[in-house]
Amino acid sequence: MPKMKTHSGAKKRFRLTATGLIKRKHAYKSHILTKKETKQKRNLTGTTLVHKSDMVRVKRMLGTHK
């Protein structure tokens, strides 16, 4: 049986932490920024963790889950 391929979109968007959690960027920070408040844009900066209910699905796309 051939190896499973990593999902190309997922490997660009997610990073695995040392403890096995998955980091992601916030949405709504790429365009149409003039109508958003400075506070909202500032709070969307940085990374957060993928929710527990989505963890298995994202790990499967990254090829780290069986």
PDB file of N, CA and C in Angstrom:
ATOM      1  N   MET A   1       0.847  -1.182   0.000  1.00  0.00           N
ATOM      2  CA  MET A   1       0.000   0.000   0.000  1.00  0.00           C
ATOM      3  C   MET A   1       0.893   1.246   0.000  1.00  0.00           C
ATOM      4  N   PRO A   2       0.573   2.246  -0.826  1.00  0.00           N
ATOM      5  CA  PRO A   2       1.427   3.438  -0.897  1.00  0.00           C
ATOM      6  C   PRO A   2       1.305   4.302   0.351  1.00  0.00           C
ATOM      7  N   LYS A   3       2.286   5.163   0.536  1.00  0.00           N
ATOM      8  CA  LYS A   3       2.261   6.092   1.665  1.00  0.00           C
ATOM      9  C   LYS A   3       1.155   7.123   1.466  1.00  0.00           C
ATOM     10  N   MET A   4       0.632   7.620   2.587  1.00  0.00           N
ATOM     11  CA  MET A   4      -0.375   8.678   2.536  1.00  0.00           C
ATOM     12  C   MET A   4       0.324  10.005   2.282  1.00  0.00           C
ATOM     13  N   LYS A   5      -0.241  10.817   1.416  1.00  0.00           N
ATOM     14  CA  LYS A   5       0.348  12.121   1.127  1.00  0.00           C
ATOM     15  C   LYS A   5      -0.156  13.165   2.114  1.00  0.00           C
ATOM     16  N   THR A   6       0.721  14.098   2.460  1.00  0.00           N
ATOM     17  CA  THR A   6       0.351  15.215   3.307  1.00  0.00           C
ATOM     18  C   THR A   6      -0.511  16.182   2.505  1.00  0.00           C
ATOM     19  N   HIS A   7      -1.528  16.728   3.135  1.00  0.00           N
ATOM     20  CA  HIS A   7      -2.402  17.707   2.496  1.00  0.00           C
ATOM     21  C   HIS A   7      -1.616  19.006   2.308  1.00  0.00           C
ATOM     22  N   SER A   8      -1.441  19.445   1.072  1.00  0.00           N
ATOM     23  CA  SER A   8      -0.587  20.591   0.772  1.00  0.00           C
ATOM     24  C   SER A   8      -1.083  21.877   1.421  1.00  0.00           C
ATOM     25  N   GLY A   9      -2.402  22.070   1.460  1.00  0.00           N
ATOM     26  CA  GLY A   9      -2.947  23.266   2.088  1.00  0.00           C
ATOM     27  C   GLY A   9      -2.757  23.256   3.585  1.00  0.00           C
ATOM     28  N   ALA A  10      -2.856  22.079   4.192  1.00  0.00           N
ATOM     29  CA  ALA A  10      -2.727  21.974   5.645  1.00  0.00           C
ATOM     30  C   ALA A  10      -1.290  22.217   6.092  1.00  0.00           C
ATOM     31  N   LYS A  11      -0.326  21.742   5.336  1.00  0.00           N
ATOM     32  CA  LYS A  11       1.062  21.917   5.770  1.00  0.00           C
ATOM     33  C   LYS A  11       1.508  23.372   5.680  1.00  0.00           C
ATOM     34  N   LYS A  12       0.791  24.193   4.872  1.00  0.00           N
ATOM     35  CA  LYS A  12       1.094  25.615   4.795  1.00  0.00           C
ATOM     36  C   LYS A  12       0.420  26.403   5.920  1.00  0.00           C
ATOM     37  N   ARG A  13      -0.651  25.865   6.495  1.00  0.00           N
ATOM     38  CA  ARG A  13      -1.456  26.618   7.443  1.00  0.00           C
ATOM     39  C   ARG A  13      -1.272  26.221   8.902  1.00  0.00           C
ATOM     40  N   PHE A  14      -0.764  25.027   9.169  1.00  0.00           N
ATOM     41  CA  PHE A  14      -0.688  24.527  10.546  1.00  0.00           C
ATOM     42  C   PHE A  14       0.743  24.134  10.902  1.00  0.00           C
ATOM     43  N   ARG A  15       1.074  24.280  12.203  1.00  0.00           N
ATOM     44  CA  ARG A  15       2.378  23.865  12.717  1.00  0.00           C
ATOM     45  C   ARG A  15       2.140  23.021  13.963  1.00  0.00           C
ATOM     46  N   LEU A  16       2.891  21.948  14.098  1.00  0.00           N
ATOM     47  CA  LEU A  16       2.785  21.067  15.244  1.00  0.00           C
ATOM     48  C   LEU A  16       3.689  21.572  16.367  1.00  0.00           C
ATOM     49  N   THR A  17       3.171  21.602  17.600  1.00  0.00           N
ATOM     50  CA  THR A  17       3.992  22.005  18.739  1.00  0.00           C
ATOM     51  C   THR A  17       4.704  20.787  19.309  1.00  0.00           C
ATOM     52  N   ALA A  18       5.616  21.024  20.242  1.00  0.00           N
ATOM     53  CA  ALA A  18       6.384  19.923  20.832  1.00  0.00           C
ATOM     54  C   ALA A  18       5.501  18.984  21.649  1.00  0.00           C
ATOM     55  N   THR A  19       4.389  19.504  22.191  1.00  0.00           N
ATOM     56  CA  THR A  19       3.501  18.670  23.002  1.00  0.00           C
ATOM     57  C   THR A  19       2.409  17.998  22.177  1.00  0.00           C
ATOM     58  N   GLY A  20       2.431  18.182  20.852  1.00  0.00           N
ATOM     59  CA  GLY A  20       1.473  17.509  19.991  1.00  0.00           C
ATOM     60  C   GLY A  20       0.240  18.322  19.661  1.00  0.00           C
ATOM     61  N   LEU A  21       0.178  19.561  20.124  1.00  0.00           N
ATOM     62  CA  LEU A  21      -0.939  20.432  19.766  1.00  0.00           C
ATOM     63  C   LEU A  21      -0.655  21.075  18.417  1.00  0.00           C
ATOM     64  N   ILE A  22      -1.650  21.745  17.849  1.00  0.00           N
ATOM     65  CA  ILE A  22      -1.490  22.331  16.521  1.00  0.00           C
ATOM     66  C   ILE A  22      -1.765  23.829  16.593  1.00  0.00           C
ATOM     67  N   LYS A  23      -0.806  24.611  16.099  1.00  0.00           N
ATOM     68  CA  LYS A  23      -0.952  26.059  16.062  1.00  0.00           C
ATOM     69  C   LYS A  23      -1.559  26.474  14.728  1.00  0.00           C
ATOM     70  N   ARG A  24      -2.305  27.583  14.765  1.00  0.00           N
ATOM     71  CA  ARG A  24      -2.902  28.128  13.557  1.00  0.00           C
ATOM     72  C   ARG A  24      -2.936  29.642  13.669  1.00  0.00           C
ATOM     73  N   LYS A  25      -3.103  30.298  12.528  1.00  0.00           N
ATOM     74  CA  LYS A  25      -3.270  31.745  12.509  1.00  0.00           C
ATOM     75  C   LYS A  25      -4.742  32.085  12.613  1.00  0.00           C
ATOM     76  N   HIS A  26      -5.030  33.317  13.038  1.00  0.00           N
ATOM     77  CA  HIS A  26      -6.402  33.794  13.078  1.00  0.00           C
ATOM     78  C   HIS A  26      -6.885  34.120  11.665  1.00  0.00           C
ATOM     79  N   ALA A  27      -8.170  33.965  11.448  1.00  0.00           N
ATOM     80  CA  ALA A  27      -8.776  34.349  10.177  1.00  0.00           C
ATOM     81  C   ALA A  27      -9.111  35.842  10.185  1.00  0.00           C
ATOM     82  N   TYR A  28      -9.535  36.369   9.049  1.00  0.00           N
ATOM     83  CA  TYR A  28      -9.995  37.752   8.877  1.00  0.00           C
ATOM     84  C   TYR A  28      -8.884  38.779   9.039  1.00  0.00           C
ATOM     85  N   LYS A  29      -7.652  38.445   8.703  1.00  0.00           N
ATOM     86  CA  LYS A  29      -6.552  39.390   8.857  1.00  0.00           C
ATOM     87  C   LYS A  29      -5.794  39.573   7.542  1.00  0.00           C
ATOM     88  N   SER A  30      -6.381  39.178   6.415  1.00  0.00           N
ATOM     89  CA  SER A  30      -5.623  39.219   5.166  1.00  0.00           C
ATOM     90  C   SER A  30      -6.014  40.367   4.243  1.00  0.00           C
ATOM     91  N   HIS A  31      -7.281  40.759   4.204  1.00  0.00           N
ATOM     92  CA  HIS A  31      -7.677  41.851   3.313  1.00  0.00           C
ATOM     93  C   HIS A  31      -8.933  42.508   3.868  1.00  0.00           C
ATOM     94  N   ILE A  32      -9.345  43.610   3.241  1.00  0.00           N
ATOM     95  CA  ILE A  32     -10.455  44.452   3.708  1.00  0.00           C
ATOM     96  C   ILE A  32     -10.212  44.873   5.156  1.00  0.00           C
ATOM     97  N   LEU A  33      -9.042  45.446   5.404  1.00  0.00           N
ATOM     98  CA  LEU A  33      -8.661  45.804   6.770  1.00  0.00           C
ATOM     99  C   LEU A  33      -9.045  47.230   7.128  1.00  0.00           C
ATOM    100  N   THR A  34      -9.423  48.053   6.145  1.00  0.00           N
ATOM    101  CA  THR A  34      -9.709  49.453   6.450  1.00  0.00           C
ATOM    102  C   THR A  34     -10.980  49.618   7.271  1.00  0.00           C
ATOM    103  N   LYS A  35     -11.941  48.724   7.113  1.00  0.00           N
ATOM    104  CA  LYS A  35     -13.188  48.849   7.868  1.00  0.00           C
ATOM    105  C   LYS A  35     -13.125  48.182   9.234  1.00  0.00           C
ATOM    106  N   LYS A  36     -12.051  47.474   9.538  1.00  0.00           N
ATOM    107  CA  LYS A  36     -11.918  46.809  10.835  1.00  0.00           C
ATOM    108  C   LYS A  36     -11.212  47.727  11.819  1.00  0.00           C
ATOM    109  N   GLU A  37     -11.651  47.673  13.067  1.00  0.00           N
ATOM    110  CA  GLU A  37     -11.048  48.494  14.119  1.00  0.00           C
ATOM    111  C   GLU A  37      -9.617  48.049  14.394  1.00  0.00           C
ATOM    112  N   THR A  38      -8.811  48.994  14.856  1.00  0.00           N
ATOM    113  CA  THR A  38      -7.413  48.688  15.185  1.00  0.00           C
ATOM    114  C   THR A  38      -7.334  47.612  16.256  1.00  0.00           C
ATOM    115  N   LYS A  39      -8.234  47.675  17.233  1.00  0.00           N
ATOM    116  CA  LYS A  39      -8.243  46.686  18.311  1.00  0.00           C
ATOM    117  C   LYS A  39      -8.524  45.286  17.773  1.00  0.00           C
ATOM    118  N   GLN A  40      -9.452  45.186  16.825  1.00  0.00           N
ATOM    119  CA  GLN A  40      -9.769  43.881  16.243  1.00  0.00           C
ATOM    120  C   GLN A  40      -8.577  43.319  15.478  1.00  0.00           C
ATOM    121  N   LYS A  41      -7.919  44.171  14.689  1.00  0.00           N
ATOM    122  CA  LYS A  41      -6.759  43.716  13.914  1.00  0.00           C
ATOM    123  C   LYS A  41      -5.623  43.304  14.832  1.00  0.00           C
ATOM    124  N   ARG A  42      -5.443  44.038  15.911  1.00  0.00           N
ATOM    125  CA  ARG A  42      -4.383  43.702  16.864  1.00  0.00           C
ATOM    126  C   ARG A  42      -4.665  42.368  17.543  1.00  0.00           C
ATOM    127  N   ASN A  43      -5.931  42.104  17.886  1.00  0.00           N
ATOM    128  CA  ASN A  43      -6.283  40.842  18.537  1.00  0.00           C
ATOM    129  C   ASN A  43      -6.210  39.650  17.588  1.00  0.00           C
ATOM    130  N   LEU A  44      -6.261  39.908  16.289  1.00  0.00           N
ATOM    131  CA  LEU A  44      -6.154  38.818  15.316  1.00  0.00           C
ATOM    132  C   LEU A  44      -4.698  38.495  14.990  1.00  0.00           C
ATOM    133  N   THR A  45      -3.770  39.317  15.477  1.00  0.00           N
ATOM    134  CA  THR A  45      -2.345  39.060  15.247  1.00  0.00           C
ATOM    135  C   THR A  45      -1.900  37.895  16.127  1.00  0.00           C
ATOM    136  N   GLY A  46      -0.935  37.157  15.664  1.00  0.00           N
ATOM    137  CA  GLY A  46      -0.412  36.053  16.460  1.00  0.00           C
ATOM    138  C   GLY A  46      -1.101  34.744  16.147  1.00  0.00           C
ATOM    139  N   THR A  47      -0.787  33.747  16.935  1.00  0.00           N
ATOM    140  CA  THR A  47      -1.315  32.404  16.691  1.00  0.00           C
ATOM    141  C   THR A  47      -2.172  31.941  17.851  1.00  0.00           C
ATOM    142  N   THR A  48      -2.954  30.918  17.601  1.00  0.00           N
ATOM    143  CA  THR A  48      -3.754  30.261  18.619  1.00  0.00           C
ATOM    144  C   THR A  48      -3.724  28.762  18.322  1.00  0.00           C
ATOM    145  N   LEU A  49      -4.395  27.988  19.128  1.00  0.00           N
ATOM    146  CA  LEU A  49      -4.395  26.541  18.953  1.00  0.00           C
ATOM    147  C   LEU A  49      -5.669  26.088  18.250  1.00  0.00           C
ATOM    148  N   VAL A  50      -5.559  24.996  17.509  1.00  0.00           N
ATOM    149  CA  VAL A  50      -6.723  24.387  16.861  1.00  0.00           C
ATOM    150  C   VAL A  50      -7.601  23.787  17.952  1.00  0.00           C
ATOM    151  N   HIS A  51      -8.913  23.901  17.797  1.00  0.00           N
ATOM    152  CA  HIS A  51      -9.849  23.376  18.784  1.00  0.00           C
ATOM    153  C   HIS A  51      -9.745  21.855  18.870  1.00  0.00           C
ATOM    154  N   LYS A  52     -10.024  21.355  20.058  1.00  0.00           N
ATOM    155  CA  LYS A  52      -9.888  19.926  20.326  1.00  0.00           C
ATOM    156  C   LYS A  52     -10.723  19.066  19.383  1.00  0.00           C
ATOM    157  N   SER A  53     -11.908  19.551  19.003  1.00  0.00           N
ATOM    158  CA  SER A  53     -12.784  18.756  18.142  1.00  0.00           C
ATOM    159  C   SER A  53     -12.252  18.653  16.710  1.00  0.00           C
ATOM    160  N   ASP A  54     -11.384  19.562  16.296  1.00  0.00           N
ATOM    161  CA  ASP A  54     -10.813  19.519  14.948  1.00  0.00           C
ATOM    162  C   ASP A  54      -9.423  18.892  14.915  1.00  0.00           C
ATOM    163  N   MET A  55      -8.870  18.559  16.072  1.00  0.00           N
ATOM    164  CA  MET A  55      -7.482  18.111  16.174  1.00  0.00           C
ATOM    165  C   MET A  55      -7.216  16.845  15.347  1.00  0.00           C
ATOM    166  N   VAL A  56      -8.097  15.849  15.443  1.00  0.00           N
ATOM    167  CA  VAL A  56      -7.874  14.572  14.747  1.00  0.00           C
ATOM    168  C   VAL A  56      -7.895  14.787  13.239  1.00  0.00           C
ATOM    169  N   ARG A  57      -8.827  15.613  12.761  1.00  0.00           N
ATOM    170  CA  ARG A  57      -8.947  15.858  11.329  1.00  0.00           C
ATOM    171  C   ARG A  57      -7.715  16.568  10.774  1.00  0.00           C
ATOM    172  N   VAL A  58      -7.211  17.562  11.511  1.00  0.00           N
ATOM    173  CA  VAL A  58      -6.031  18.296  11.046  1.00  0.00           C
ATOM    174  C   VAL A  58      -4.789  17.409  11.113  1.00  0.00           C
ATOM    175  N   LYS A  59      -4.666  16.614  12.171  1.00  0.00           N
ATOM    176  CA  LYS A  59      -3.518  15.707  12.276  1.00  0.00           C
ATOM    177  C   LYS A  59      -3.518  14.682  11.146  1.00  0.00           C
ATOM    178  N   ARG A  60      -4.697  14.239  10.742  1.00  0.00           N
ATOM    179  CA  ARG A  60      -4.783  13.284   9.631  1.00  0.00           C
ATOM    180  C   ARG A  60      -4.338  13.936   8.330  1.00  0.00           C
ATOM    181  N   MET A  61      -4.700  15.216   8.130  1.00  0.00           N
ATOM    182  CA  MET A  61      -4.268  15.923   6.927  1.00  0.00           C
ATOM    183  C   MET A  61      -2.755  16.141   6.918  1.00  0.00           C
ATOM    184  N   LEU A  62      -2.182  16.328   8.116  1.00  0.00           N
ATOM    185  CA  LEU A  62      -0.740  16.527   8.212  1.00  0.00           C
ATOM    186  C   LEU A  62       0.028  15.214   8.155  1.00  0.00           C
ATOM    187  N   GLY A  63      -0.681  14.094   8.263  1.00  0.00           N
ATOM    188  CA  GLY A  63      -0.026  12.796   8.196  1.00  0.00           C
ATOM    189  C   GLY A  63       0.618  12.357   9.491  1.00  0.00           C
ATOM    190  N   THR A  64       0.199  12.963  10.629  1.00  0.00           N
ATOM    191  CA  THR A  64       0.776  12.592  11.926  1.00  0.00           C
ATOM    192  C   THR A  64      -0.144  11.709  12.745  1.00  0.00           C
ATOM    193  N   HIS A  65      -1.338  11.406  12.212  1.00  0.00           N
ATOM    194  CA  HIS A  65      -2.306  10.580  12.926  1.00  0.00           C
ATOM    195  C   HIS A  65      -2.636   9.370  12.063  1.00  0.00           C
ATOM    196  N   LYS A  66      -2.872   8.242  12.693  1.00  0.00           N
ATOM    197  CA  LYS A  66      -3.140   7.018  11.946  1.00  0.00           C
ATOM    198  C   LYS A  66      -4.589   6.903  11.557  1.00  0.00           C
TER     199      LYS A  66
END
